[in-house]
């Protein structure tokens, strides 16, 4: 589904601010069906962050319909994320842990994480969360009201250039 405004979210599964703003993004996605949200794993905080990102991408490869659930469960997990937590979530979604572990080691996943880091570097994104809404790069957590305002401005700009 193509949205009229693209919203890119760079995040780390162990980032407290990412977790806080995640509820805001979910609310936004439920209310605004015209927005296109792209998730970019940017594991910069720890080895556990890298592991979680690889698992998330493996879940997406195994069954892209389950990625939003997996992402949501990790984002809603209040403590630091570890392998045990991740395995419990994989099992709760009915996925095969060995299959996920095999997918995690794929070149595609390694490349995707590397590409996300390169994109972040080129855009001078130095931490998580960070957002791109249309042409706006927004570092750090952002309030629901501010997101709505930026999206509204993007829509107005798009409508002017389309007209």
Foldseek 3Di string as FASTA:
>chain_A
DAAPKEKEKEAFLQDPQCLVLVVLVVVVVVVDVRYHYHYAYAHDPDPQRLVLQLLLVLVCVVPVVCSVVLSNQSSPDPDGDDPVSSVVSCVVVVHDPVSSVVSSPDPVSVVSNVVSVVVCVVVVADHPTWMQIHNDTGHTHDDSVVVVVSNVVSSVVSVVVVD
